[in-house]
N, C-alpha and C. Protein backbone atom coordinates (compact mmCIF):
# COMPACT_ATOMS: atom_id res chain seq x y z
N UNK A 1 99.24 95.73 103.74
CA UNK A 1 100.73 95.20 104.05
C UNK A 1 100.85 93.63 103.85
N UNK A 2 101.81 93.31 103.12
CA UNK A 2 101.81 92.02 102.85
C UNK A 2 102.11 90.92 104.02
N UNK A 3 101.45 89.88 104.19
CA UNK A 3 101.70 89.13 105.40
C UNK A 3 102.67 87.94 104.99
N UNK A 4 102.87 87.68 103.67
CA UNK A 4 103.80 86.75 103.34
C UNK A 4 105.10 87.45 103.13
N UNK A 5 106.32 86.80 103.86
CA UNK A 5 107.58 87.27 103.86
C UNK A 5 108.10 87.37 102.61
N UNK A 6 107.92 86.72 101.43
CA UNK A 6 108.41 86.78 100.20
C UNK A 6 107.90 88.05 99.58
N UNK A 7 106.48 88.21 99.89
CA UNK A 7 105.85 89.49 99.34
C UNK A 7 106.47 90.77 99.96
N UNK A 8 106.65 90.88 101.22
CA UNK A 8 107.31 91.77 101.99
C UNK A 8 108.75 92.07 101.49
N UNK A 9 109.42 91.02 101.23
CA UNK A 9 110.80 91.23 100.72
C UNK A 9 110.74 91.89 99.27
N UNK A 10 109.73 91.38 98.46
CA UNK A 10 109.73 91.94 96.96
C UNK A 10 109.23 93.49 97.13
N UNK A 11 108.40 93.66 98.01
CA UNK A 11 107.89 95.25 98.23
C UNK A 11 109.15 95.99 98.72
N UNK A 12 109.92 95.30 99.53
CA UNK A 12 110.97 96.22 100.01
C UNK A 12 112.06 96.40 98.92
N UNK A 13 112.25 95.41 98.26
CA UNK A 13 113.42 95.53 97.06
C UNK A 13 112.91 96.39 96.10
N UNK A 14 111.41 96.48 95.82
CA UNK A 14 110.93 97.52 94.85
C UNK A 14 111.23 98.93 95.35
N UNK A 15 110.93 99.23 96.67
CA UNK A 15 111.20 100.49 97.18
C UNK A 15 112.73 100.83 97.25
N UNK A 16 113.53 99.87 97.65
CA UNK A 16 114.98 100.14 97.50
C UNK A 16 115.43 100.62 96.30
N UNK A 17 115.00 99.67 95.06
CA UNK A 17 115.37 99.90 93.77
C UNK A 17 114.96 101.45 93.32
N UNK A 18 113.76 101.74 93.73
CA UNK A 18 113.03 102.87 93.28
C UNK A 18 113.94 104.12 93.81
N UNK A 19 114.39 104.09 95.13
CA UNK A 19 115.03 105.06 95.73
C UNK A 19 116.69 104.99 95.30
N UNK A 20 117.05 104.07 94.64
CA UNK A 20 118.25 103.81 93.98
C UNK A 20 119.28 103.57 95.06
N UNK A 21 118.94 102.77 96.11
CA UNK A 21 119.70 102.34 97.29
C UNK A 21 120.32 101.05 97.16
N UNK A 22 121.41 100.83 97.34
CA UNK A 22 122.00 99.44 97.44
C UNK A 22 122.19 99.05 98.89
N UNK A 23 121.42 97.75 99.12
CA UNK A 23 121.58 97.35 100.51
C UNK A 23 122.58 96.25 100.62
N UNK A 24 123.66 96.17 101.23
CA UNK A 24 124.55 95.12 101.26
C UNK A 24 123.86 93.75 101.68
N UNK A 25 124.21 92.74 101.00
CA UNK A 25 123.69 91.48 101.41
C UNK A 25 123.82 91.02 102.81
N UNK A 26 124.74 91.41 103.46
CA UNK A 26 124.95 90.89 104.80
C UNK A 26 123.88 91.75 105.78
N UNK A 27 123.31 92.85 105.29
CA UNK A 27 122.61 93.72 106.21
C UNK A 27 121.19 93.64 105.69
N UNK A 28 120.84 92.98 104.65
CA UNK A 28 119.21 92.92 104.32
C UNK A 28 118.65 92.30 105.18
N UNK A 29 118.77 91.14 105.89
CA UNK A 29 117.88 90.65 106.71
C UNK A 29 117.48 91.45 107.93
N UNK A 30 118.36 92.22 108.49
CA UNK A 30 118.27 93.05 109.58
C UNK A 30 117.35 94.30 109.22
N UNK A 31 117.64 94.71 107.98
CA UNK A 31 116.93 96.04 107.52
C UNK A 31 115.56 95.49 106.98
N UNK A 32 115.32 94.41 106.54
CA UNK A 32 114.07 93.96 106.21
C UNK A 32 113.11 93.79 107.37
N UNK A 33 113.72 93.26 108.41
CA UNK A 33 113.08 93.22 109.82
C UNK A 33 112.57 94.51 110.26
N UNK A 34 113.44 95.59 110.03
CA UNK A 34 113.20 96.75 110.62
C UNK A 34 112.05 97.38 109.60
N UNK A 35 111.96 97.12 108.29
CA UNK A 35 110.98 97.24 107.38
C UNK A 35 109.64 97.01 107.91
N UNK A 36 109.69 95.78 108.26
CA UNK A 36 108.25 94.97 108.70
C UNK A 36 107.90 95.61 109.90
N UNK A 37 108.87 95.90 110.85
CA UNK A 37 108.22 96.59 111.93
C UNK A 37 107.76 98.13 111.75
N UNK A 38 108.49 98.67 110.76
CA UNK A 38 108.00 100.25 110.38
C UNK A 38 106.46 99.96 109.72
N UNK A 39 106.40 99.04 108.93
CA UNK A 39 105.12 98.88 108.30
C UNK A 39 103.99 98.77 109.43
N UNK A 40 104.25 97.86 110.32
CA UNK A 40 103.32 97.47 111.45
C UNK A 40 103.15 98.95 112.28
N UNK A 41 104.05 99.50 112.47
CA UNK A 41 103.77 100.91 113.27
C UNK A 41 102.86 101.86 112.34
N UNK A 42 103.14 101.98 111.14
CA UNK A 42 102.27 102.74 110.25
C UNK A 42 100.88 102.44 110.23
N UNK A 43 100.74 100.93 110.39
CA UNK A 43 99.34 100.59 110.20
C UNK A 43 98.60 100.96 111.65
N UNK A 44 99.35 100.94 112.67
CA UNK A 44 98.82 101.42 114.03
C UNK A 44 98.40 103.04 114.02
N UNK A 45 99.37 103.56 113.30
CA UNK A 45 98.95 105.11 113.30
C UNK A 45 97.86 105.25 112.59
N UNK A 46 97.61 104.83 111.47
CA UNK A 46 96.56 104.85 110.64
C UNK A 46 95.11 104.40 110.94
N UNK A 47 95.11 103.20 112.10
CA UNK A 47 94.08 102.79 112.62
C UNK A 47 93.16 103.56 113.24
N UNK A 48 91.81 103.54 113.15
CA UNK A 48 90.78 104.34 114.03
C UNK A 48 90.99 103.97 115.65
N UNK A 49 90.88 105.03 116.29
CA UNK A 49 91.20 104.72 117.84
C UNK A 49 89.84 105.29 118.62
N UNK A 50 89.35 104.61 119.44
CA UNK A 50 88.22 105.13 120.26
C UNK A 50 88.71 106.36 121.18
N UNK A 51 87.67 106.94 121.32
CA UNK A 51 87.95 108.19 122.28
C UNK A 51 88.49 108.13 123.61
N UNK A 52 88.47 106.68 124.20
CA UNK A 52 89.17 106.35 125.28
C UNK A 52 90.72 106.11 125.21
N UNK A 53 91.10 106.20 124.09
CA UNK A 53 92.66 106.20 123.74
C UNK A 53 93.22 107.35 123.95
N UNK A 54 92.54 108.58 124.17
CA UNK A 54 92.92 109.96 124.15
C UNK A 54 93.83 109.96 125.61
N UNK A 55 94.54 111.06 125.68
CA UNK A 55 95.19 111.44 126.93
C UNK A 55 94.19 111.53 128.24
N UNK A 56 94.51 111.20 129.25
CA UNK A 56 93.81 111.51 130.64
C UNK A 56 93.95 112.70 131.20
N UNK A 57 95.30 113.47 130.84
CA UNK A 57 95.56 114.74 131.42
C UNK A 57 94.85 115.91 130.49
N UNK A 58 94.30 116.71 131.33
CA UNK A 58 93.94 117.96 130.61
C UNK A 58 94.48 119.20 131.12
N UNK A 59 95.16 119.89 130.07
CA UNK A 59 95.68 121.07 130.41
C UNK A 59 94.84 122.40 130.26
N UNK A 60 94.93 123.32 131.24
CA UNK A 60 94.35 124.54 131.44
C UNK A 60 95.37 125.54 131.58
N UNK A 61 95.07 126.81 130.77
CA UNK A 61 95.81 127.90 130.97
C UNK A 61 95.02 128.84 131.54
N UNK A 62 95.41 129.25 132.58
CA UNK A 62 94.78 130.40 133.37
C UNK A 62 95.64 131.82 133.34
N UNK A 63 94.95 132.78 133.45
CA UNK A 63 95.38 134.31 133.30
C UNK A 63 95.69 134.30 135.01
N UNK A 64 97.16 134.70 135.14
CA UNK A 64 97.43 135.17 136.63
C UNK A 64 96.96 136.34 136.97
N UNK A 65 96.43 136.59 138.03
CA UNK A 65 95.92 137.79 138.62
C UNK A 65 97.25 138.73 138.94
N UNK A 66 97.34 140.02 138.67
CA UNK A 66 98.41 140.74 138.98
C UNK A 66 98.07 141.46 140.37
N UNK A 67 99.04 141.75 141.20
CA UNK A 67 98.85 142.39 142.57
C UNK A 67 98.57 141.36 143.73
N UNK A 68 98.69 139.90 143.36
CA UNK A 68 98.11 139.05 144.41
C UNK A 68 99.33 139.00 145.44
C-alpha cells in the first residue's frame, strides 16, 4: 500500500479510470480518505494473527435426550 498520499491518489485514480467511474471533484477528497481506510482494513485482514486472537467462546452442540 502506498504510504505517499500522491501515490495513493494516483492508485485510486487508476482504479477509478479502469472501472469507468467519474468521481466529482468536490467528493474526491472524502472518497480518497475512505479508500485509504479501506486499504488499511484489507491489510489487517490479510495479516497473520496469533492463535490468541481467536474467539474465547467455544460452541458445543449436544444431542438432547428424549423422554427427560
